[in-house]
Amino acid sequence: MDNNPYADVLDFGGKRAVELGTGCGVAGMGLFLLGLTDLVLTDIAPVMPALKRNLKVNKRILRKTLSTSDGGK
């Protein structure tokens, strides 16, 4: 990304984030692939099955151990 004028804006290496209302998780997965080292995706209970499915389907691409929580329920 040497000639990318947005390289400094897109440098997420070593950063952490919490995404509130993640939906299907596309933005969170994209940020993770850009270098976020620790990311928590959250949403309401009815959305979580779709989010968990999307994370599972993309686990090979994400190349990381994924864990989920039901909020202590």
N, C-alpha and C. Protein backbone atom coordinates (compact mmCIF):
# COMPACT_ATOMS: atom_id res chain seq x y z
N MET A 1 0.83 -1.19 0.00
CA MET A 1 0.00 0.00 0.00
C MET A 1 0.87 1.25 0.00
N ASP A 2 2.04 1.19 -0.57
CA ASP A 2 2.95 2.33 -0.58
C ASP A 2 2.37 3.55 -1.27
N ASN A 3 1.68 3.36 -2.38
CA ASN A 3 1.16 4.51 -3.11
C ASN A 3 -0.32 4.75 -2.83
N ASN A 4 -0.86 4.14 -1.80
CA ASN A 4 -2.25 4.33 -1.42
C ASN A 4 -2.36 5.59 -0.55
N PRO A 5 -3.08 6.61 -1.02
CA PRO A 5 -3.20 7.85 -0.23
C PRO A 5 -3.96 7.66 1.08
N TYR A 6 -4.64 6.53 1.23
CA TYR A 6 -5.41 6.27 2.44
C TYR A 6 -4.72 5.28 3.37
N ALA A 7 -3.48 4.94 3.10
CA ALA A 7 -2.77 3.92 3.88
C ALA A 7 -2.75 4.26 5.37
N ASP A 8 -2.55 5.52 5.71
CA ASP A 8 -2.51 5.88 7.14
C ASP A 8 -3.88 5.75 7.80
N VAL A 9 -4.94 6.00 7.05
CA VAL A 9 -6.30 5.90 7.58
C VAL A 9 -6.71 4.43 7.72
N LEU A 10 -6.21 3.57 6.84
CA LEU A 10 -6.59 2.16 6.84
C LEU A 10 -5.64 1.28 7.63
N ASP A 11 -4.76 1.87 8.41
CA ASP A 11 -3.82 1.08 9.21
C ASP A 11 -4.45 0.75 10.56
N PHE A 12 -4.98 -0.47 10.67
CA PHE A 12 -5.63 -0.91 11.89
C PHE A 12 -4.77 -1.86 12.69
N GLY A 13 -3.52 -2.05 12.29
CA GLY A 13 -2.63 -2.97 12.99
C GLY A 13 -2.49 -2.62 14.46
N GLY A 14 -2.68 -3.62 15.31
CA GLY A 14 -2.52 -3.43 16.75
C GLY A 14 -3.67 -2.71 17.43
N LYS A 15 -4.75 -2.44 16.71
CA LYS A 15 -5.87 -1.72 17.30
C LYS A 15 -6.96 -2.69 17.74
N ARG A 16 -7.83 -2.22 18.62
CA ARG A 16 -8.95 -3.01 19.14
C ARG A 16 -10.24 -2.22 18.96
N ALA A 17 -11.38 -2.94 18.85
CA ALA A 17 -12.65 -2.25 18.65
C ALA A 17 -13.82 -3.09 19.15
N VAL A 18 -14.92 -2.41 19.42
CA VAL A 18 -16.21 -3.03 19.71
C VAL A 18 -17.19 -2.46 18.70
N GLU A 19 -17.86 -3.34 17.97
CA GLU A 19 -18.86 -2.89 17.01
C GLU A 19 -20.25 -3.14 17.60
N LEU A 20 -20.99 -2.08 17.81
CA LEU A 20 -22.34 -2.18 18.36
C LEU A 20 -23.34 -2.25 17.22
N GLY A 21 -24.20 -3.25 17.24
CA GLY A 21 -25.18 -3.40 16.17
C GLY A 21 -24.52 -3.89 14.89
N THR A 22 -23.77 -4.96 14.98
CA THR A 22 -22.97 -5.44 13.86
C THR A 22 -23.77 -6.03 12.71
N GLY A 23 -25.01 -6.43 12.96
CA GLY A 23 -25.79 -7.05 11.89
C GLY A 23 -25.16 -8.37 11.46
N CYS A 24 -24.93 -8.54 10.18
CA CYS A 24 -24.35 -9.79 9.68
C CYS A 24 -22.84 -9.85 9.83
N GLY A 25 -22.20 -8.78 10.28
CA GLY A 25 -20.78 -8.80 10.61
C GLY A 25 -19.82 -8.43 9.50
N VAL A 26 -20.33 -7.99 8.36
CA VAL A 26 -19.46 -7.70 7.22
C VAL A 26 -18.44 -6.61 7.54
N ALA A 27 -18.88 -5.51 8.13
CA ALA A 27 -17.94 -4.43 8.44
C ALA A 27 -16.89 -4.89 9.44
N GLY A 28 -17.32 -5.61 10.47
CA GLY A 28 -16.38 -6.11 11.47
C GLY A 28 -15.36 -7.06 10.88
N MET A 29 -15.81 -7.96 10.00
CA MET A 29 -14.87 -8.89 9.37
C MET A 29 -13.89 -8.15 8.48
N GLY A 30 -14.38 -7.12 7.78
CA GLY A 30 -13.49 -6.32 6.95
C GLY A 30 -12.43 -5.60 7.76
N LEU A 31 -12.83 -5.02 8.88
CA LEU A 31 -11.87 -4.34 9.75
C LEU A 31 -10.86 -5.33 10.33
N PHE A 32 -11.33 -6.52 10.66
CA PHE A 32 -10.43 -7.55 11.17
C PHE A 32 -9.38 -7.90 10.11
N LEU A 33 -9.81 -8.04 8.87
CA LEU A 33 -8.87 -8.36 7.79
C LEU A 33 -7.90 -7.22 7.53
N LEU A 34 -8.28 -6.00 7.90
CA LEU A 34 -7.38 -4.85 7.75
C LEU A 34 -6.41 -4.71 8.92
N GLY A 35 -6.51 -5.60 9.91
CA GLY A 35 -5.49 -5.61 10.94
C GLY A 35 -5.91 -5.44 12.38
N LEU A 36 -7.20 -5.26 12.65
CA LEU A 36 -7.62 -5.18 14.06
C LEU A 36 -7.21 -6.46 14.77
N THR A 37 -6.58 -6.33 15.92
CA THR A 37 -6.10 -7.51 16.63
C THR A 37 -7.13 -8.08 17.59
N ASP A 38 -8.07 -7.28 18.00
CA ASP A 38 -9.09 -7.73 18.95
C ASP A 38 -10.39 -7.03 18.60
N LEU A 39 -11.41 -7.80 18.25
CA LEU A 39 -12.66 -7.22 17.79
C LEU A 39 -13.83 -7.94 18.45
N VAL A 40 -14.75 -7.16 19.02
CA VAL A 40 -15.96 -7.71 19.62
C VAL A 40 -17.13 -7.22 18.79
N LEU A 41 -17.93 -8.16 18.29
CA LEU A 41 -19.11 -7.83 17.50
C LEU A 41 -20.34 -8.08 18.37
N THR A 42 -21.23 -7.11 18.44
CA THR A 42 -22.41 -7.24 19.29
C THR A 42 -23.68 -6.90 18.51
N ASP A 43 -24.77 -7.50 18.92
CA ASP A 43 -26.08 -7.17 18.37
C ASP A 43 -27.15 -7.78 19.26
N ILE A 44 -28.39 -7.56 18.92
CA ILE A 44 -29.49 -8.12 19.70
C ILE A 44 -29.62 -9.62 19.41
N ALA A 45 -30.24 -10.32 20.33
CA ALA A 45 -30.34 -11.79 20.26
C ALA A 45 -30.90 -12.33 18.94
N PRO A 46 -31.96 -11.74 18.36
CA PRO A 46 -32.49 -12.31 17.12
C PRO A 46 -31.50 -12.27 15.94
N VAL A 47 -30.52 -11.40 15.99
CA VAL A 47 -29.55 -11.25 14.90
C VAL A 47 -28.38 -12.22 15.05
N MET A 48 -28.12 -12.68 16.25
CA MET A 48 -26.92 -13.48 16.53
C MET A 48 -26.80 -14.76 15.71
N PRO A 49 -27.87 -15.50 15.43
CA PRO A 49 -27.70 -16.71 14.61
C PRO A 49 -27.11 -16.40 13.22
N ALA A 50 -27.57 -15.32 12.59
CA ALA A 50 -27.03 -14.95 11.28
C ALA A 50 -25.56 -14.53 11.40
N LEU A 51 -25.23 -13.79 12.44
CA LEU A 51 -23.85 -13.37 12.65
C LEU A 51 -22.95 -14.58 12.87
N LYS A 52 -23.38 -15.49 13.73
CA LYS A 52 -22.58 -16.69 14.00
C LYS A 52 -22.38 -17.52 12.74
N ARG A 53 -23.42 -17.63 11.92
CA ARG A 53 -23.31 -18.38 10.67
C ARG A 53 -22.30 -17.72 9.74
N ASN A 54 -22.37 -16.40 9.59
CA ASN A 54 -21.43 -15.70 8.71
C ASN A 54 -20.00 -15.85 9.20
N LEU A 55 -19.79 -15.78 10.50
CA LEU A 55 -18.43 -15.96 11.04
C LEU A 55 -17.93 -17.38 10.77
N LYS A 56 -18.82 -18.35 10.93
CA LYS A 56 -18.43 -19.74 10.70
C LYS A 56 -18.09 -19.98 9.23
N VAL A 57 -18.92 -19.45 8.33
CA VAL A 57 -18.69 -19.61 6.90
C VAL A 57 -17.36 -18.98 6.48
N ASN A 58 -16.99 -17.88 7.12
CA ASN A 58 -15.78 -17.14 6.75
C ASN A 58 -14.57 -17.45 7.62
N LYS A 59 -14.67 -18.45 8.48
CA LYS A 59 -13.58 -18.76 9.41
C LYS A 59 -12.27 -19.06 8.68
N ARG A 60 -12.34 -19.78 7.57
CA ARG A 60 -11.12 -20.11 6.83
C ARG A 60 -10.44 -18.83 6.31
N ILE A 61 -11.21 -17.90 5.84
CA ILE A 61 -10.66 -16.64 5.33
C ILE A 61 -10.10 -15.79 6.47
N LEU A 62 -10.79 -15.78 7.59
CA LEU A 62 -10.36 -14.97 8.73
C LEU A 62 -9.13 -15.57 9.41
N ARG A 63 -8.92 -16.88 9.25
CA ARG A 63 -7.73 -17.55 9.78
C ARG A 63 -7.50 -17.30 11.26
N LYS A 64 -8.52 -17.21 12.01
CA LYS A 64 -8.38 -16.97 13.46
C LYS A 64 -9.38 -17.84 14.20
N THR A 65 -9.11 -18.05 15.45
CA THR A 65 -10.06 -18.74 16.31
C THR A 65 -11.17 -17.76 16.66
N LEU A 66 -12.37 -18.16 16.39
CA LEU A 66 -13.52 -17.31 16.67
C LEU A 66 -14.27 -17.87 17.87
N SER A 67 -14.74 -16.99 18.70
CA SER A 67 -15.56 -17.43 19.82
C SER A 67 -16.80 -16.56 19.89
N THR A 68 -17.86 -17.14 20.38
CA THR A 68 -19.11 -16.40 20.50
C THR A 68 -19.63 -16.53 21.92
N SER A 69 -20.48 -15.61 22.27
CA SER A 69 -21.09 -15.61 23.59
C SER A 69 -22.55 -15.24 23.44
N ASP A 70 -23.38 -15.80 24.28
CA ASP A 70 -24.79 -15.46 24.25
C ASP A 70 -25.12 -14.40 25.30
N GLY A 71 -24.14 -13.66 25.72
CA GLY A 71 -24.35 -12.60 26.70
C GLY A 71 -24.59 -13.10 28.10
N GLY A 72 -24.12 -14.30 28.39
CA GLY A 72 -24.26 -14.84 29.73
C GLY A 72 -25.58 -15.56 29.97
N LYS A 73 -26.35 -15.77 28.91
CA LYS A 73 -27.65 -16.45 29.07
C LYS A 73 -27.47 -17.94 28.99
